[in-house]
Amino acid sequence: MLDCTLRDGGWVNQFCFGTELMNSILHTIETSGIEYVELGYLDEKKGSPKGRSEYSNLDAVQNNCLLEQKNPKVIYLVMIDYGKYPVELLPVHKTEGIDGIRLCFHKKDAKRAIQMGQEILKKGYQLFMQPMVSTRYTDSEFAELMVQAQENLKGIRAFYIVDSFGSMEPKEVAERMRLADGILREEICLGLHTHNNMQCSFQNCAAALELGLKRDMIIDGTLSGIGKGAGNMNTEIFAGYLNQSFGKRYQIDSLKQQASHVGTSMRQETVQGFRTEYYLSAKYHLTPSYAENFFRRGCQDMEELEELLAQVPEEKKDSFDKDTVEKILQGKINSEECCIP
């Protein structure tokens, strides 16, 4: 398992965990038996030196005391969203620092992301390739991406299927898993990152494991399921499932306790869990940020909200665009004015 509470959970609180909570979360993961932990984002412009899990540089990770004494059984990672942190700023890997980079990218940036991945590998980091919104690729396009990745990224640690908007169902996940398993070399881990907007995270992850693929797999989760939209797979719940069904030995009690603490503190920031607007986001295959914005602006009738979401142009669906929202709302206002007798 890979826990990404400090990264994906940051969408709930603007990454403002505070050093104390960041270290508490990390300590729980380190001692639970979870194999991978993601410490947050590297972001050149939005990153901070302390108290947040959106870092200005790798020194900021150290400044938050997150790597004072590494657990040799844990792989420590940070994520780079392609285009938000130049690879030139990454120092050469040091044993006492982070172990790897999760490189996420949109379909339009796939070729350039592979080139960036080459530079990350040259600097000595483990590389995890994260093609966001994997449903944007046809099977043939996704197959070609995997072929290019393994041909050009010698030593790549993992390749992921990323259900960014929580729109995938178990059958789709299984089909993509089989496709990937037939292409990737055996030494490349196959990862799965899910969101729970259609309440399918657990089923999707379970379906992936039940395929019985003969390779290492990595399942992502967050404590209490904290994350963007309806949240992510619950680390503590899926770890328990793995203990029961696959003979793992994760320390569930400590995970549950920390999950309760994180859930209580962070749900004061926003409402988490299933909401119809998140389901509609998944239905129209777009970021839940649009539904959240429309909802805050007073568009709380579900039929009305669905009409608005259906108008988001295809090229604007992957990343929230404020101008798109304004145009759609203005069109709604103009339409209502035209109907006035």
Protein backbone atom coordinates (compact mmCIF):
# COMPACT_ATOMS: atom_id res chain seq x y z
CA MET A 1 0.00 0.00 0.00
CA LEU A 2 0.92 3.63 -0.52
CA ASP A 3 -0.50 6.29 1.79
CA CYS A 4 -0.90 9.74 0.25
CA THR A 5 -2.75 11.52 3.07
CA LEU A 6 -0.16 14.31 3.17
CA ARG A 7 -0.55 14.93 -0.55
CA ASP A 8 -4.11 14.13 -1.65
CA GLY A 9 -5.49 15.12 1.75
CA GLY A 10 -3.95 18.52 1.20
CA TRP A 11 -6.73 19.42 -1.22
CA VAL A 12 -9.03 19.60 1.80
CA ASN A 13 -6.98 22.07 3.88
CA GLN A 14 -4.84 23.87 1.28
CA PHE A 15 -1.97 21.60 2.45
CA CYS A 16 -1.85 23.49 5.77
CA PHE A 17 -1.47 20.49 8.08
CA GLY A 18 1.06 22.10 10.38
CA THR A 19 4.33 20.40 11.29
CA GLU A 20 2.91 18.61 14.34
CA LEU A 21 0.11 16.85 12.46
CA MET A 22 2.37 16.13 9.49
CA ASN A 23 4.84 14.33 11.73
CA SER A 24 2.08 12.50 13.58
CA ILE A 25 0.61 11.18 10.32
CA LEU A 26 4.03 10.17 9.06
CA HIS A 27 4.93 8.35 12.29
CA THR A 28 1.71 6.34 12.13
CA ILE A 29 2.35 5.28 8.54
CA GLU A 30 5.99 4.43 9.24
CA THR A 31 5.11 2.13 12.13
CA SER A 32 2.03 0.54 10.54
CA GLY A 33 3.82 -1.56 7.95
CA ILE A 34 2.58 0.52 5.00
CA GLU A 35 5.32 0.22 2.40
CA TYR A 36 5.15 3.62 0.65
CA VAL A 37 4.37 7.10 1.94
CA GLU A 38 3.91 10.24 -0.14
CA LEU A 39 4.95 13.37 1.76
CA GLY A 40 3.29 15.95 -0.48
CA TYR A 41 3.85 18.06 -3.60
CA LEU A 42 6.87 19.92 -4.93
CA ASP A 43 5.63 23.20 -6.42
CA GLU A 44 8.03 25.98 -7.33
CA LYS A 45 5.47 28.81 -7.10
CA LYS A 46 2.93 27.63 -4.50
CA GLY A 47 5.26 25.67 -2.26
CA SER A 48 6.15 26.73 1.29
CA PRO A 49 9.24 26.21 3.48
CA LYS A 50 7.41 24.97 6.59
CA GLY A 51 4.06 23.78 7.97
CA ARG A 52 2.56 22.75 4.64
CA SER A 53 2.84 19.61 2.52
CA GLU A 54 3.21 21.67 -0.64
CA TYR A 55 6.95 22.29 -0.62
CA SER A 56 9.05 24.94 -2.32
CA ASN A 57 11.97 22.51 -2.61
CA LEU A 58 13.35 19.31 -1.12
CA ASP A 59 15.01 21.23 1.72
CA ALA A 60 11.50 22.14 2.88
CA VAL A 61 10.78 18.44 3.41
CA GLN A 62 13.75 18.30 5.75
CA ASN A 63 12.70 21.56 7.44
CA ASN A 64 9.43 19.91 8.45
CA CYS A 65 11.45 17.20 10.25
CA LEU A 66 9.82 14.58 8.06
CA LEU A 67 13.01 12.69 7.30
CA GLU A 68 15.09 13.04 10.47
CA GLN A 69 15.25 9.27 10.87
CA LYS A 70 14.02 7.23 7.93
CA ASN A 71 12.49 3.81 8.41
CA PRO A 72 14.46 1.45 6.16
CA LYS A 73 11.28 -0.51 5.40
CA VAL A 74 9.47 2.53 3.99
CA ILE A 75 9.88 4.17 0.57
CA TYR A 76 9.51 7.97 0.87
CA LEU A 77 8.06 9.89 -2.08
CA VAL A 78 6.94 13.31 -3.21
CA MET A 79 4.80 14.19 -6.23
CA ILE A 80 5.56 16.60 -9.05
CA ASP A 81 2.69 17.77 -11.24
CA TYR A 82 4.28 18.18 -14.67
CA GLY A 83 4.99 21.84 -15.39
CA LYS A 84 4.98 22.98 -11.75
CA TYR A 85 8.51 22.06 -10.71
CA PRO A 86 11.47 22.18 -13.13
CA VAL A 87 13.54 19.01 -13.04
CA GLU A 88 16.65 21.23 -13.04
CA LEU A 89 15.83 22.22 -9.45
CA LEU A 90 15.96 18.63 -8.22
CA PRO A 91 19.28 17.88 -6.50
CA VAL A 92 21.02 14.57 -7.06
CA HIS A 93 19.47 11.87 -4.88
CA LYS A 94 20.90 11.44 -1.39
CA THR A 95 20.36 8.37 0.77
CA GLU A 96 19.10 10.47 3.68
CA GLY A 97 16.54 12.25 1.48
CA ILE A 98 13.40 11.18 -0.35
CA ASP A 99 13.62 7.96 -2.33
CA GLY A 100 11.43 8.67 -5.32
CA ILE A 101 9.27 10.98 -7.42
CA ARG A 102 5.71 10.41 -8.48
CA LEU A 103 5.38 12.29 -11.77
CA CYS A 104 1.77 13.08 -12.68
CA PHE A 105 0.84 14.48 -16.06
CA HIS A 106 -2.08 15.08 -18.38
CA LYS A 107 -2.42 13.32 -21.71
CA LYS A 108 -1.28 16.37 -23.67
CA ASP A 109 2.04 16.35 -21.78
CA ALA A 110 2.76 12.62 -21.94
CA LYS A 111 5.76 12.80 -24.31
CA ARG A 112 7.38 15.64 -22.36
CA ALA A 113 6.68 13.84 -19.10
CA ILE A 114 8.63 10.82 -20.33
CA GLN A 115 11.55 13.13 -21.14
CA MET A 116 11.33 14.61 -17.63
CA GLY A 117 11.18 11.11 -16.21
CA GLN A 118 14.50 10.34 -17.88
CA GLU A 119 16.11 13.27 -16.06
CA ILE A 120 14.60 12.19 -12.73
CA LEU A 121 16.08 8.71 -13.17
CA LYS A 122 19.47 10.17 -14.07
CA LYS A 123 19.47 11.99 -10.73
CA GLY A 124 19.07 8.70 -8.92
CA TYR A 125 15.42 8.75 -7.83
CA GLN A 126 12.90 5.96 -8.13
CA LEU A 127 10.29 6.98 -10.70
CA PHE A 128 6.53 6.42 -10.53
CA MET A 129 4.62 7.46 -13.65
CA GLN A 130 1.08 8.73 -12.97
CA PRO A 131 -0.98 9.43 -16.14
CA MET A 132 -3.83 11.49 -14.70
CA VAL A 133 -7.36 10.81 -15.88
CA SER A 134 -6.32 7.50 -17.40
CA THR A 135 -9.81 7.17 -18.91
CA ARG A 136 -8.86 9.94 -21.36
CA TYR A 137 -6.73 7.37 -23.23
CA THR A 138 -8.18 4.77 -25.55
CA ASP A 139 -6.83 1.26 -24.98
CA SER A 140 -4.45 1.63 -27.90
CA GLU A 141 -3.24 5.05 -26.67
CA PHE A 142 -2.71 3.73 -23.15
CA ALA A 143 -0.86 0.70 -24.50
CA GLU A 144 1.40 2.94 -26.58
CA LEU A 145 2.10 5.14 -23.55
CA MET A 146 3.21 2.11 -21.54
CA VAL A 147 5.40 0.88 -24.38
CA GLN A 148 7.08 4.28 -24.66
CA ALA A 149 7.49 4.55 -20.89
CA GLN A 150 9.23 1.23 -20.42
CA GLU A 151 11.37 1.65 -23.53
CA ASN A 152 12.58 5.12 -22.57
CA LEU A 153 12.57 4.95 -18.78
CA LYS A 154 14.99 2.18 -17.88
CA GLY A 155 14.58 1.31 -14.22
CA ILE A 156 11.10 2.83 -13.81
CA ARG A 157 9.66 1.64 -10.49
CA ALA A 158 5.93 1.79 -11.20
CA PHE A 159 3.30 2.71 -13.77
CA TYR A 160 -0.16 3.72 -12.58
CA ILE A 161 -3.78 3.62 -13.59
CA VAL A 162 -5.18 6.87 -12.19
CA ASP A 163 -8.93 7.31 -11.75
CA SER A 164 -8.66 11.05 -11.15
CA PHE A 165 -12.39 11.78 -11.19
CA GLY A 166 -13.65 8.57 -9.59
CA SER A 167 -15.54 7.65 -12.75
CA MET A 168 -14.22 4.11 -13.29
CA GLU A 169 -16.07 0.94 -12.37
CA PRO A 170 -14.59 -2.47 -11.46
CA LYS A 171 -14.94 -3.90 -14.97
CA GLU A 172 -13.06 -0.95 -16.49
CA VAL A 173 -10.32 -1.20 -13.87
CA ALA A 174 -9.92 -4.93 -14.50
CA GLU A 175 -9.68 -4.40 -18.27
CA ARG A 176 -6.99 -1.71 -17.89
CA MET A 177 -5.11 -3.85 -15.37
CA ARG A 178 -5.04 -6.81 -17.75
CA LEU A 179 -3.94 -4.55 -20.59
CA ALA A 180 -1.08 -3.16 -18.51
CA ASP A 181 -0.05 -6.56 -17.21
CA GLY A 182 0.32 -7.82 -20.76
CA ILE A 183 2.66 -4.98 -21.73
CA LEU A 184 4.79 -3.96 -18.74
CA ARG A 185 7.90 -5.87 -17.79
CA GLU A 186 7.49 -8.03 -14.68
CA GLU A 187 9.79 -5.86 -12.56
CA ILE A 188 7.60 -2.77 -13.07
CA CYS A 189 5.00 -2.38 -10.32
CA LEU A 190 1.44 -1.71 -11.43
CA GLY A 191 -0.28 0.95 -9.33
CA LEU A 192 -3.89 2.00 -8.85
CA HIS A 193 -5.01 5.40 -7.58
CA THR A 194 -8.76 5.85 -7.08
CA HIS A 195 -11.26 8.48 -6.01
CA ASN A 196 -14.62 7.76 -4.45
CA ASN A 197 -16.98 10.07 -6.32
CA MET A 198 -19.11 7.11 -7.47
CA GLN A 199 -18.44 5.12 -4.28
CA CYS A 200 -16.39 2.56 -6.21
CA SER A 201 -12.93 2.96 -4.67
CA PHE A 202 -13.02 -0.18 -2.55
CA GLN A 203 -14.63 -2.31 -5.24
CA ASN A 204 -12.16 -1.07 -7.84
CA CYS A 205 -9.12 -1.82 -5.70
CA ALA A 206 -10.44 -5.21 -4.64
CA ALA A 207 -11.24 -6.08 -8.26
CA ALA A 208 -7.67 -5.23 -9.27
CA LEU A 209 -6.16 -7.56 -6.66
CA GLU A 210 -8.61 -10.36 -7.33
CA LEU A 211 -7.25 -10.62 -10.88
CA GLY A 212 -4.31 -12.49 -9.34
CA LEU A 213 -1.71 -10.83 -11.55
CA LYS A 214 1.81 -12.21 -11.14
CA ARG A 215 3.48 -8.89 -10.42
CA ASP A 216 3.85 -6.44 -7.54
CA MET A 217 0.95 -4.02 -7.24
CA ILE A 218 0.59 -0.77 -5.29
CA ILE A 219 -2.78 0.43 -4.00
CA ASP A 220 -3.09 4.08 -2.92
CA GLY A 221 -5.13 5.29 0.02
CA THR A 222 -5.51 8.12 2.53
CA LEU A 223 -6.38 8.06 6.21
CA SER A 224 -10.14 8.43 6.67
CA GLY A 225 -10.37 8.66 2.86
CA ILE A 226 -9.50 12.37 3.00
CA GLY A 227 -9.00 13.81 -0.47
CA LYS A 228 -10.37 15.83 -3.34
CA GLY A 229 -14.07 15.51 -4.09
CA ALA A 230 -15.62 12.58 -2.23
CA GLY A 231 -12.13 11.50 -1.20
CA ASN A 232 -9.96 8.45 -1.76
CA MET A 233 -9.71 4.83 -0.76
CA ASN A 234 -9.47 4.59 3.05
CA THR A 235 -5.97 3.39 3.98
CA GLU A 236 -7.15 1.91 7.27
CA ILE A 237 -10.07 0.02 5.70
CA PHE A 238 -8.17 -1.43 2.77
CA ALA A 239 -5.23 -2.36 4.98
CA GLY A 240 -7.67 -4.40 7.08
CA TYR A 241 -8.99 -6.08 3.94
CA LEU A 242 -5.44 -6.98 2.90
CA ASN A 243 -4.74 -8.43 6.34
CA GLN A 244 -7.83 -10.59 6.18
CA SER A 245 -7.74 -11.66 2.53
CA PHE A 246 -4.08 -11.54 1.53
CA GLY A 247 -2.17 -12.32 4.73
CA LYS A 248 -0.71 -8.86 5.28
CA ARG A 249 0.14 -7.67 8.79
CA TYR A 250 -0.55 -3.97 8.87
CA GLN A 251 -1.06 -2.38 12.30
CA ILE A 252 -4.72 -1.57 11.93
CA ASP A 253 -5.37 -0.14 15.40
CA SER A 254 -2.89 2.72 15.01
CA LEU A 255 -4.15 3.44 11.49
CA LYS A 256 -7.76 3.60 12.70
CA GLN A 257 -6.85 5.89 15.58
CA GLN A 258 -4.94 8.30 13.34
CA ALA A 259 -7.68 8.14 10.72
CA SER A 260 -10.23 9.17 13.33
CA HIS A 261 -8.03 12.08 14.41
CA VAL A 262 -7.38 13.21 10.85
CA GLY A 263 -11.02 12.83 9.85
CA THR A 264 -12.29 14.81 12.83
CA SER A 265 -9.82 17.67 12.41
CA MET A 266 -9.92 17.97 8.64
CA ARG A 267 -13.65 17.55 8.14
CA GLN A 268 -14.00 20.86 9.91
CA GLU A 269 -12.46 22.31 6.75
CA THR A 270 -14.95 20.79 4.29
CA VAL A 271 -17.70 18.22 3.92
CA GLN A 272 -16.25 14.86 2.91
CA GLY A 273 -17.93 11.71 1.69
CA PHE A 274 -20.63 11.08 -0.87
CA ARG A 275 -22.44 14.07 -2.31
CA THR A 276 -24.59 14.06 -5.43
CA GLU A 277 -22.53 16.82 -7.03
CA TYR A 278 -19.43 14.60 -6.86
CA TYR A 279 -21.34 11.78 -8.53
CA LEU A 280 -22.33 14.18 -11.30
CA SER A 281 -18.68 15.22 -11.68
CA ALA A 282 -17.75 11.59 -12.23
CA LYS A 283 -20.65 11.10 -14.62
CA TYR A 284 -19.40 13.92 -16.85
CA HIS A 285 -15.73 12.95 -16.40
CA LEU A 286 -14.52 16.27 -15.03
CA THR A 287 -12.76 17.60 -11.96
CA PRO A 288 -15.10 17.97 -8.95
CA SER A 289 -13.86 21.55 -8.54
CA TYR A 290 -16.51 22.66 -11.07
CA ALA A 291 -19.35 21.13 -9.06
CA GLU A 292 -17.98 22.60 -5.84
CA ASN A 293 -17.76 26.06 -7.39
CA PHE A 294 -21.24 25.99 -8.93
CA PHE A 295 -22.65 24.67 -5.64
CA ARG A 296 -21.04 27.49 -3.62
CA ARG A 297 -22.43 30.00 -6.12
CA GLY A 298 -25.98 28.91 -5.29
CA CYS A 299 -26.58 26.31 -8.01
CA GLN A 300 -27.76 23.64 -5.58
CA ASP A 301 -30.66 22.14 -7.48
CA MET A 302 -29.27 18.88 -8.86
CA GLU A 303 -31.07 19.12 -12.20
CA GLU A 304 -29.76 22.65 -12.68
CA LEU A 305 -26.26 21.63 -11.58
CA GLU A 306 -26.21 18.75 -14.04
CA GLU A 307 -27.18 21.09 -16.87
CA LEU A 308 -24.27 23.38 -15.97
CA LEU A 309 -21.72 20.57 -15.70
CA ALA A 310 -22.81 19.19 -19.06
CA GLN A 311 -21.72 22.51 -20.64
CA VAL A 312 -18.08 22.30 -19.57
CA PRO A 313 -16.08 21.92 -22.82
CA GLU A 314 -14.11 18.72 -23.25
CA GLU A 315 -10.79 20.57 -23.33
CA LYS A 316 -11.55 22.26 -19.98
CA LYS A 317 -12.65 19.20 -18.01
CA ASP A 318 -9.33 18.02 -16.60
CA SER A 319 -8.35 21.21 -14.76
CA PHE A 320 -10.64 23.78 -13.17
CA ASP A 321 -10.94 26.98 -15.20
CA LYS A 322 -12.65 29.98 -13.57
CA ASP A 323 -13.34 31.72 -16.88
CA THR A 324 -15.27 28.66 -18.09
CA VAL A 325 -17.47 28.83 -14.98
CA GLU A 326 -18.16 32.53 -15.54
CA LYS A 327 -19.11 31.99 -19.18
CA ILE A 328 -21.49 29.15 -18.30
CA LEU A 329 -23.13 31.14 -15.51
CA GLN A 330 -23.44 34.23 -17.69
CA GLY A 331 -25.07 32.12 -20.38
CA LYS A 332 -27.54 30.85 -17.80
CA ILE A 333 -28.37 34.42 -16.71
CA ASN A 334 -28.82 35.58 -20.30
CA SER A 335 -31.08 32.63 -21.04
CA GLU A 336 -33.26 33.41 -18.03
CA GLU A 337 -33.50 37.07 -19.07
CA CYS A 338 -34.67 36.05 -22.53
CA CYS A 339 -37.49 34.07 -20.98
CA ILE A 340 -38.86 37.05 -19.05
CA PRO A 341 -42.21 38.14 -20.61
